[in-house]
Amino acid sequence: MADCLTLLRQYNLQKKEIVERDGLIIFDQTAWPGNAKTNYPSYRSGQAGLKEYYTLESLLFLLKNVSLSHPSYVAKAG
């Protein structure tokens, strides 16, 4: 089974539907919790020796809103 970041990438590149329901991110027959950590390190990763990783829902939010200007993106992210 592929990890959630790999599935997100594949579905995004292939323009397949990704469903968000009840706190889950659903890829066809596979579902992951939205708050699942991916293996994509965040910008702050490495500071003070702690590694942080983006969640699946935060990366999906980025993909869905990539065309927004930075101020609009930040406002929508709330």
N, C-alpha and C. Protein backbone atom coordinates (compact mmCIF):
# COMPACT_ATOMS: atom_id res chain seq x y z
N MET A 1 0.84 -1.18 0.00
CA MET A 1 0.00 0.00 0.00
C MET A 1 0.89 1.24 0.00
N ALA A 2 0.52 2.21 -0.80
CA ALA A 2 1.27 3.45 -0.89
C ALA A 2 1.00 4.33 0.33
N ASP A 3 1.95 5.18 0.65
CA ASP A 3 1.74 6.12 1.74
C ASP A 3 0.82 7.25 1.26
N CYS A 4 0.30 8.02 2.20
CA CYS A 4 -0.70 9.03 1.86
C CYS A 4 -0.14 10.14 0.97
N LEU A 5 1.12 10.50 1.13
CA LEU A 5 1.71 11.54 0.29
C LEU A 5 1.83 11.06 -1.16
N THR A 6 2.20 9.82 -1.34
CA THR A 6 2.30 9.25 -2.68
C THR A 6 0.92 9.21 -3.35
N LEU A 7 -0.09 8.80 -2.60
CA LEU A 7 -1.45 8.78 -3.15
C LEU A 7 -1.92 10.19 -3.52
N LEU A 8 -1.65 11.14 -2.65
CA LEU A 8 -2.04 12.53 -2.93
C LEU A 8 -1.38 13.01 -4.22
N ARG A 9 -0.12 12.73 -4.37
CA ARG A 9 0.60 13.14 -5.57
C ARG A 9 0.02 12.47 -6.81
N GLN A 10 -0.18 11.16 -6.75
CA GLN A 10 -0.72 10.43 -7.90
C GLN A 10 -2.11 10.93 -8.30
N TYR A 11 -2.98 11.08 -7.32
CA TYR A 11 -4.34 11.53 -7.61
C TYR A 11 -4.35 12.96 -8.14
N ASN A 12 -3.48 13.80 -7.63
CA ASN A 12 -3.42 15.17 -8.11
C ASN A 12 -2.91 15.21 -9.55
N LEU A 13 -1.85 14.50 -9.85
CA LEU A 13 -1.30 14.49 -11.20
C LEU A 13 -2.27 13.89 -12.22
N GLN A 14 -3.00 12.87 -11.79
CA GLN A 14 -3.94 12.20 -12.69
C GLN A 14 -5.33 12.84 -12.67
N LYS A 15 -5.47 13.92 -11.90
CA LYS A 15 -6.73 14.66 -11.79
C LYS A 15 -7.89 13.76 -11.35
N LYS A 16 -7.59 12.80 -10.47
CA LYS A 16 -8.62 11.93 -9.92
C LYS A 16 -9.29 12.62 -8.74
N GLU A 17 -10.52 12.24 -8.47
CA GLU A 17 -11.27 12.85 -7.37
C GLU A 17 -10.73 12.41 -6.01
N ILE A 18 -10.55 13.38 -5.14
CA ILE A 18 -10.16 13.13 -3.75
C ILE A 18 -11.32 13.63 -2.90
N VAL A 19 -11.88 12.75 -2.08
CA VAL A 19 -13.06 13.08 -1.29
C VAL A 19 -12.66 13.36 0.16
N GLU A 20 -13.23 14.43 0.73
CA GLU A 20 -13.06 14.73 2.15
C GLU A 20 -14.40 14.51 2.83
N ARG A 21 -14.42 13.60 3.81
CA ARG A 21 -15.67 13.31 4.51
C ARG A 21 -15.37 12.80 5.91
N ASP A 22 -16.06 13.37 6.89
CA ASP A 22 -15.96 12.93 8.28
C ASP A 22 -14.52 12.87 8.79
N GLY A 23 -13.72 13.86 8.41
CA GLY A 23 -12.34 13.92 8.88
C GLY A 23 -11.40 13.00 8.14
N LEU A 24 -11.89 12.36 7.09
CA LEU A 24 -11.06 11.44 6.30
C LEU A 24 -10.79 12.02 4.92
N ILE A 25 -9.64 11.68 4.38
CA ILE A 25 -9.30 11.99 3.00
C ILE A 25 -9.37 10.65 2.27
N ILE A 26 -10.25 10.56 1.28
CA ILE A 26 -10.55 9.28 0.66
C ILE A 26 -10.04 9.25 -0.78
N PHE A 27 -9.21 8.25 -1.05
CA PHE A 27 -8.68 7.99 -2.38
C PHE A 27 -9.29 6.68 -2.86
N ASP A 28 -10.40 6.76 -3.55
CA ASP A 28 -11.07 5.57 -4.07
C ASP A 28 -11.41 4.61 -2.93
N GLN A 29 -10.68 3.51 -2.79
CA GLN A 29 -10.96 2.51 -1.76
C GLN A 29 -10.07 2.66 -0.53
N THR A 30 -9.21 3.67 -0.52
CA THR A 30 -8.28 3.88 0.59
C THR A 30 -8.58 5.21 1.26
N ALA A 31 -8.61 5.21 2.59
CA ALA A 31 -8.88 6.45 3.33
C ALA A 31 -7.81 6.65 4.39
N TRP A 32 -7.47 7.90 4.60
CA TRP A 32 -6.51 8.30 5.64
C TRP A 32 -7.15 9.40 6.47
N PRO A 33 -6.84 9.46 7.76
CA PRO A 33 -7.31 10.60 8.56
C PRO A 33 -6.69 11.88 8.01
N GLY A 34 -7.45 12.94 8.01
CA GLY A 34 -6.94 14.22 7.50
C GLY A 34 -5.73 14.71 8.27
N ASN A 35 -5.67 14.37 9.56
CA ASN A 35 -4.55 14.85 10.37
C ASN A 35 -3.35 13.91 10.34
N ALA A 36 -3.36 12.94 9.42
CA ALA A 36 -2.22 12.03 9.28
C ALA A 36 -0.99 12.82 8.84
N LYS A 37 0.12 12.58 9.50
CA LYS A 37 1.37 13.24 9.13
C LYS A 37 1.91 12.57 7.86
N THR A 38 2.36 13.40 6.93
CA THR A 38 3.01 12.88 5.73
C THR A 38 4.51 12.84 5.99
N ASN A 39 5.26 12.39 5.03
CA ASN A 39 6.72 12.42 5.19
C ASN A 39 7.32 13.65 4.51
N TYR A 40 6.51 14.69 4.33
CA TYR A 40 6.96 15.95 3.75
C TYR A 40 7.28 16.92 4.89
N PRO A 41 8.56 17.24 5.10
CA PRO A 41 8.94 18.08 6.24
C PRO A 41 8.47 19.53 6.06
N SER A 42 8.06 20.14 7.15
CA SER A 42 7.63 21.53 7.10
C SER A 42 8.85 22.45 7.09
N TYR A 43 8.61 23.69 6.76
CA TYR A 43 9.69 24.68 6.69
C TYR A 43 10.43 24.80 8.01
N ARG A 44 9.69 24.72 9.11
CA ARG A 44 10.29 24.86 10.44
C ARG A 44 11.03 23.61 10.88
N SER A 45 10.93 22.56 10.10
CA SER A 45 11.56 21.30 10.47
C SER A 45 13.06 21.48 10.68
N GLY A 46 13.55 20.90 11.71
CA GLY A 46 14.97 20.97 11.99
C GLY A 46 15.35 22.03 13.00
N GLN A 47 14.47 23.01 13.23
CA GLN A 47 14.76 24.02 14.24
C GLN A 47 14.65 23.37 15.61
N ALA A 48 15.59 23.64 16.44
CA ALA A 48 15.63 23.10 17.81
C ALA A 48 15.67 21.57 17.81
N GLY A 49 16.11 20.99 16.70
CA GLY A 49 16.26 19.55 16.64
C GLY A 49 14.97 18.76 16.48
N LEU A 50 13.83 19.44 16.36
CA LEU A 50 12.55 18.75 16.22
C LEU A 50 12.13 18.74 14.76
N LYS A 51 11.73 17.59 14.28
CA LYS A 51 11.23 17.51 12.91
C LYS A 51 9.71 17.58 12.94
N GLU A 52 9.16 18.42 12.07
CA GLU A 52 7.72 18.52 11.92
C GLU A 52 7.37 18.20 10.48
N TYR A 53 6.20 17.62 10.29
CA TYR A 53 5.77 17.22 8.96
C TYR A 53 4.37 17.76 8.68
N TYR A 54 4.12 18.07 7.41
CA TYR A 54 2.80 18.55 7.02
C TYR A 54 1.78 17.43 7.15
N THR A 55 0.55 17.80 7.48
CA THR A 55 -0.53 16.82 7.52
C THR A 55 -1.11 16.67 6.12
N LEU A 56 -1.80 15.58 5.92
CA LEU A 56 -2.44 15.32 4.64
C LEU A 56 -3.45 16.41 4.30
N GLU A 57 -4.25 16.83 5.28
CA GLU A 57 -5.27 17.85 5.01
C GLU A 57 -4.65 19.20 4.66
N SER A 58 -3.50 19.53 5.25
CA SER A 58 -2.88 20.82 4.93
C SER A 58 -2.33 20.82 3.50
N LEU A 59 -1.78 19.70 3.06
CA LEU A 59 -1.28 19.62 1.68
C LEU A 59 -2.43 19.60 0.67
N LEU A 60 -3.52 18.94 1.02
CA LEU A 60 -4.69 18.95 0.14
C LEU A 60 -5.27 20.36 0.04
N PHE A 61 -5.30 21.07 1.15
CA PHE A 61 -5.76 22.46 1.14
C PHE A 61 -4.89 23.29 0.20
N LEU A 62 -3.59 23.11 0.27
CA LEU A 62 -2.67 23.83 -0.62
C LEU A 62 -2.98 23.52 -2.08
N LEU A 63 -3.14 22.25 -2.40
CA LEU A 63 -3.41 21.87 -3.79
C LEU A 63 -4.72 22.45 -4.31
N LYS A 64 -5.72 22.51 -3.44
CA LYS A 64 -7.02 23.05 -3.85
C LYS A 64 -7.01 24.56 -3.99
N ASN A 65 -6.04 25.23 -3.36
CA ASN A 65 -6.02 26.69 -3.33
C ASN A 65 -4.73 27.29 -3.87
N VAL A 66 -4.00 26.54 -4.65
CA VAL A 66 -2.69 26.97 -5.13
C VAL A 66 -2.78 28.21 -6.02
N SER A 67 -3.91 28.46 -6.63
CA SER A 67 -4.03 29.61 -7.53
C SER A 67 -4.31 30.93 -6.81
N LEU A 68 -4.59 30.87 -5.51
CA LEU A 68 -4.88 32.09 -4.76
C LEU A 68 -3.61 32.90 -4.51
N SER A 69 -3.78 34.20 -4.40
CA SER A 69 -2.65 35.05 -3.99
C SER A 69 -2.32 34.72 -2.53
N HIS A 70 -1.13 35.07 -2.11
CA HIS A 70 -0.72 34.74 -0.74
C HIS A 70 -1.67 35.32 0.31
N PRO A 71 -2.03 36.62 0.23
CA PRO A 71 -2.97 37.15 1.24
C PRO A 71 -4.32 36.42 1.25
N SER A 72 -4.83 36.08 0.07
CA SER A 72 -6.11 35.36 0.00
C SER A 72 -5.98 33.95 0.57
N TYR A 73 -4.86 33.31 0.28
CA TYR A 73 -4.61 31.95 0.79
C TYR A 73 -4.57 31.96 2.32
N VAL A 74 -3.84 32.91 2.88
CA VAL A 74 -3.71 33.00 4.34
C VAL A 74 -5.07 33.30 4.97
N ALA A 75 -5.83 34.19 4.35
CA ALA A 75 -7.16 34.52 4.88
C ALA A 75 -8.08 33.31 4.85
N LYS A 76 -8.03 32.55 3.77
CA LYS A 76 -8.88 31.37 3.66
C LYS A 76 -8.44 30.27 4.63
N ALA A 77 -7.14 30.16 4.86
CA ALA A 77 -6.62 29.15 5.78
C ALA A 77 -7.05 29.47 7.21
N GLY A 78 -7.25 30.76 7.47
CA GLY A 78 -7.75 31.22 8.76
C GLY A 78 -6.85 30.95 9.87
